[in-house]
Amino acid sequence: MTTNNALAPTSSEGRVMTLEELLALPPTVNVTTAARALGISAHKAYALIKGGTFPVEVLPLGRTVKVPTAALWAVLGVKPQPRA
């Protein structure tokens, strides 16, 4: 699947996260959601986190890892518009 929208990366499962979906994300997301937004598999994301090369800061919380949505948006070049 190809897309002309640079803000809609394709994940390894072929699912595309739209700009609307990116903007609707909560303040933090799990690694699987962050991986989908980045267009990589969750397995690859966890490998990058383990190697210290994941492109977004992560928040290790015990056995859980969260990714701040604002940092994810910054890496993807997404700039949410202020609400009127």
N, C-alpha and C. Protein backbone atom coordinates (compact mmCIF):
# COMPACT_ATOMS: atom_id res chain seq x y z
N MET A 1 0.85 -1.18 0.00
CA MET A 1 0.00 0.00 0.00
C MET A 1 0.89 1.23 0.00
N THR A 2 0.64 2.16 -0.85
CA THR A 2 1.39 3.40 -0.88
C THR A 2 0.46 4.55 -0.55
N THR A 3 1.08 5.61 -0.09
CA THR A 3 0.28 6.79 0.25
C THR A 3 1.06 8.04 -0.12
N ASN A 4 0.37 9.06 -0.51
CA ASN A 4 1.01 10.34 -0.82
C ASN A 4 1.07 11.23 0.39
N ASN A 5 0.43 10.86 1.47
CA ASN A 5 0.38 11.67 2.68
C ASN A 5 1.53 11.30 3.59
N ALA A 6 2.50 12.19 3.74
CA ALA A 6 3.68 11.92 4.57
C ALA A 6 3.30 11.76 6.03
N LEU A 7 2.15 12.25 6.45
CA LEU A 7 1.73 12.13 7.83
C LEU A 7 0.91 10.88 8.08
N ALA A 8 0.82 9.99 7.12
CA ALA A 8 0.07 8.76 7.29
C ALA A 8 0.95 7.57 6.97
N PRO A 9 1.90 7.25 7.86
CA PRO A 9 2.79 6.13 7.58
C PRO A 9 2.04 4.81 7.57
N THR A 10 2.55 3.87 6.81
CA THR A 10 1.97 2.55 6.72
C THR A 10 2.71 1.63 7.67
N SER A 11 2.00 0.92 8.52
CA SER A 11 2.63 -0.02 9.43
C SER A 11 2.91 -1.32 8.70
N SER A 12 3.62 -2.22 9.37
CA SER A 12 3.92 -3.51 8.75
C SER A 12 2.65 -4.32 8.49
N GLU A 13 1.58 -4.01 9.22
CA GLU A 13 0.31 -4.70 9.00
C GLU A 13 -0.47 -4.07 7.85
N GLY A 14 0.04 -2.99 7.26
CA GLY A 14 -0.63 -2.35 6.15
C GLY A 14 -1.66 -1.33 6.59
N ARG A 15 -1.81 -1.11 7.88
CA ARG A 15 -2.77 -0.14 8.38
C ARG A 15 -2.11 1.23 8.41
N VAL A 16 -2.84 2.21 8.00
CA VAL A 16 -2.32 3.57 7.94
C VAL A 16 -2.94 4.39 9.07
N MET A 17 -2.10 5.12 9.81
CA MET A 17 -2.61 6.03 10.83
C MET A 17 -2.76 7.38 10.17
N THR A 18 -3.97 7.86 10.17
CA THR A 18 -4.25 9.14 9.53
C THR A 18 -3.86 10.30 10.45
N LEU A 19 -3.79 11.49 9.89
CA LEU A 19 -3.51 12.68 10.68
C LEU A 19 -4.58 12.85 11.75
N GLU A 20 -5.81 12.59 11.40
CA GLU A 20 -6.91 12.69 12.36
C GLU A 20 -6.69 11.73 13.54
N GLU A 21 -6.27 10.51 13.24
CA GLU A 21 -5.98 9.53 14.30
C GLU A 21 -4.82 9.99 15.16
N LEU A 22 -3.77 10.52 14.52
CA LEU A 22 -2.62 11.02 15.28
C LEU A 22 -3.03 12.12 16.24
N LEU A 23 -3.86 13.03 15.78
CA LEU A 23 -4.28 14.15 16.62
C LEU A 23 -5.25 13.73 17.72
N ALA A 24 -5.88 12.58 17.57
CA ALA A 24 -6.83 12.10 18.57
C ALA A 24 -6.18 11.24 19.65
N LEU A 25 -4.88 11.02 19.55
CA LEU A 25 -4.20 10.17 20.53
C LEU A 25 -4.22 10.81 21.92
N PRO A 26 -4.27 9.98 22.96
CA PRO A 26 -4.20 10.50 24.33
C PRO A 26 -2.79 11.01 24.63
N PRO A 27 -2.56 11.61 25.80
CA PRO A 27 -1.25 12.19 26.13
C PRO A 27 -0.08 11.21 26.04
N THR A 28 -0.31 9.95 26.38
CA THR A 28 0.72 8.92 26.19
C THR A 28 0.08 7.72 25.51
N VAL A 29 0.89 6.98 24.77
CA VAL A 29 0.41 5.79 24.07
C VAL A 29 1.34 4.62 24.36
N ASN A 30 0.85 3.42 24.09
CA ASN A 30 1.71 2.26 24.25
C ASN A 30 2.65 2.13 23.06
N VAL A 31 3.60 1.23 23.17
CA VAL A 31 4.62 1.08 22.13
C VAL A 31 4.00 0.62 20.82
N THR A 32 3.00 -0.23 20.88
CA THR A 32 2.36 -0.72 19.66
C THR A 32 1.72 0.42 18.87
N THR A 33 1.05 1.33 19.57
CA THR A 33 0.43 2.48 18.91
C THR A 33 1.50 3.41 18.35
N ALA A 34 2.55 3.66 19.12
CA ALA A 34 3.64 4.52 18.64
C ALA A 34 4.30 3.91 17.41
N ALA A 35 4.48 2.60 17.43
CA ALA A 35 5.08 1.92 16.28
C ALA A 35 4.21 2.08 15.05
N ARG A 36 2.91 1.93 15.22
CA ARG A 36 1.99 2.11 14.09
C ARG A 36 2.09 3.52 13.52
N ALA A 37 2.17 4.51 14.41
CA ALA A 37 2.29 5.90 13.95
C ALA A 37 3.58 6.12 13.18
N LEU A 38 4.64 5.43 13.59
CA LEU A 38 5.94 5.57 12.93
C LEU A 38 6.08 4.70 11.69
N GLY A 39 5.13 3.80 11.48
CA GLY A 39 5.19 2.94 10.30
C GLY A 39 6.13 1.77 10.45
N ILE A 40 6.34 1.32 11.70
CA ILE A 40 7.20 0.16 11.95
C ILE A 40 6.42 -0.87 12.76
N SER A 41 6.95 -2.07 12.85
CA SER A 41 6.29 -3.10 13.64
C SER A 41 6.56 -2.88 15.12
N ALA A 42 5.69 -3.41 15.95
CA ALA A 42 5.89 -3.34 17.40
C ALA A 42 7.18 -4.05 17.78
N HIS A 43 7.47 -5.17 17.12
CA HIS A 43 8.70 -5.91 17.40
C HIS A 43 9.93 -5.03 17.15
N LYS A 44 9.93 -4.34 16.04
CA LYS A 44 11.04 -3.44 15.70
C LYS A 44 11.12 -2.30 16.72
N ALA A 45 9.97 -1.76 17.13
CA ALA A 45 9.96 -0.68 18.10
C ALA A 45 10.59 -1.12 19.42
N TYR A 46 10.20 -2.31 19.90
CA TYR A 46 10.77 -2.80 21.16
C TYR A 46 12.28 -3.04 21.02
N ALA A 47 12.71 -3.52 19.86
CA ALA A 47 14.14 -3.74 19.63
C ALA A 47 14.89 -2.40 19.65
N LEU A 48 14.31 -1.37 19.04
CA LEU A 48 14.94 -0.04 19.04
C LEU A 48 14.98 0.54 20.46
N ILE A 49 13.92 0.33 21.22
CA ILE A 49 13.90 0.81 22.61
C ILE A 49 14.98 0.12 23.40
N LYS A 50 15.06 -1.20 23.27
CA LYS A 50 16.08 -1.97 23.99
C LYS A 50 17.48 -1.51 23.62
N GLY A 51 17.69 -1.17 22.35
CA GLY A 51 18.99 -0.71 21.88
C GLY A 51 19.25 0.76 22.12
N GLY A 52 18.26 1.46 22.66
CA GLY A 52 18.43 2.89 22.94
C GLY A 52 18.37 3.78 21.72
N THR A 53 17.78 3.29 20.64
CA THR A 53 17.75 4.07 19.40
C THR A 53 16.34 4.38 18.91
N PHE A 54 15.35 4.18 19.75
CA PHE A 54 13.97 4.52 19.37
C PHE A 54 13.92 6.03 19.15
N PRO A 55 13.30 6.51 18.09
CA PRO A 55 13.37 7.94 17.74
C PRO A 55 12.55 8.87 18.64
N VAL A 56 11.86 8.31 19.61
CA VAL A 56 11.02 9.10 20.50
C VAL A 56 11.38 8.74 21.94
N GLU A 57 11.35 9.73 22.83
CA GLU A 57 11.60 9.43 24.23
C GLU A 57 10.54 8.46 24.73
N VAL A 58 10.95 7.58 25.64
CA VAL A 58 9.99 6.64 26.22
C VAL A 58 9.98 6.81 27.73
N LEU A 59 8.86 6.43 28.32
CA LEU A 59 8.70 6.50 29.76
C LEU A 59 8.55 5.09 30.30
N PRO A 60 9.65 4.51 30.84
CA PRO A 60 9.51 3.18 31.42
C PRO A 60 8.78 3.28 32.76
N LEU A 61 7.69 2.57 32.89
CA LEU A 61 6.88 2.57 34.10
C LEU A 61 6.73 1.13 34.58
N GLY A 62 7.72 0.67 35.31
CA GLY A 62 7.72 -0.73 35.73
C GLY A 62 7.90 -1.62 34.51
N ARG A 63 6.96 -2.53 34.32
CA ARG A 63 7.02 -3.43 33.16
C ARG A 63 6.35 -2.84 31.93
N THR A 64 5.81 -1.64 32.06
CA THR A 64 5.12 -0.96 30.96
C THR A 64 6.00 0.15 30.41
N VAL A 65 5.90 0.39 29.13
CA VAL A 65 6.60 1.50 28.49
C VAL A 65 5.55 2.37 27.81
N LYS A 66 5.57 3.65 28.09
CA LYS A 66 4.66 4.60 27.45
C LYS A 66 5.47 5.57 26.60
N VAL A 67 4.83 6.10 25.58
CA VAL A 67 5.45 7.06 24.68
C VAL A 67 4.62 8.34 24.73
N PRO A 68 5.25 9.48 25.08
CA PRO A 68 4.50 10.74 25.10
C PRO A 68 4.06 11.12 23.69
N THR A 69 2.80 11.40 23.55
CA THR A 69 2.25 11.73 22.24
C THR A 69 2.87 13.00 21.66
N ALA A 70 3.12 14.00 22.49
CA ALA A 70 3.73 15.25 22.00
C ALA A 70 5.09 14.98 21.36
N ALA A 71 5.87 14.09 21.96
CA ALA A 71 7.18 13.75 21.40
C ALA A 71 7.02 12.98 20.09
N LEU A 72 6.01 12.13 20.03
CA LEU A 72 5.72 11.39 18.80
C LEU A 72 5.32 12.35 17.69
N TRP A 73 4.44 13.31 18.03
CA TRP A 73 4.05 14.32 17.04
C TRP A 73 5.26 15.10 16.54
N ALA A 74 6.17 15.46 17.45
CA ALA A 74 7.36 16.24 17.05
C ALA A 74 8.20 15.47 16.05
N VAL A 75 8.42 14.19 16.28
CA VAL A 75 9.21 13.37 15.36
C VAL A 75 8.53 13.27 14.00
N LEU A 76 7.20 13.21 14.01
CA LEU A 76 6.46 13.08 12.77
C LEU A 76 6.17 14.43 12.10
N GLY A 77 6.50 15.53 12.76
CA GLY A 77 6.24 16.85 12.19
C GLY A 77 4.78 17.26 12.27
N VAL A 78 4.05 16.67 13.20
CA VAL A 78 2.63 17.01 13.37
C VAL A 78 2.52 18.18 14.35
N LYS A 79 1.82 19.21 13.93
CA LYS A 79 1.62 20.38 14.77
C LYS A 79 0.13 20.57 14.98
N PRO A 80 -0.36 20.17 16.18
CA PRO A 80 -1.80 20.34 16.42
C PRO A 80 -2.17 21.81 16.43
N GLN A 81 -3.32 22.11 15.87
CA GLN A 81 -3.82 23.48 15.82
C GLN A 81 -4.55 23.78 17.13
N PRO A 82 -4.31 24.96 17.70
CA PRO A 82 -5.05 25.31 18.91
C PRO A 82 -6.54 25.39 18.62
N ARG A 83 -7.32 24.98 19.60
CA ARG A 83 -8.78 25.04 19.43
C ARG A 83 -9.27 26.44 19.68
N ALA A 84 -10.26 26.85 18.90
CA ALA A 84 -10.81 28.20 19.03
C ALA A 84 -11.76 28.32 20.19
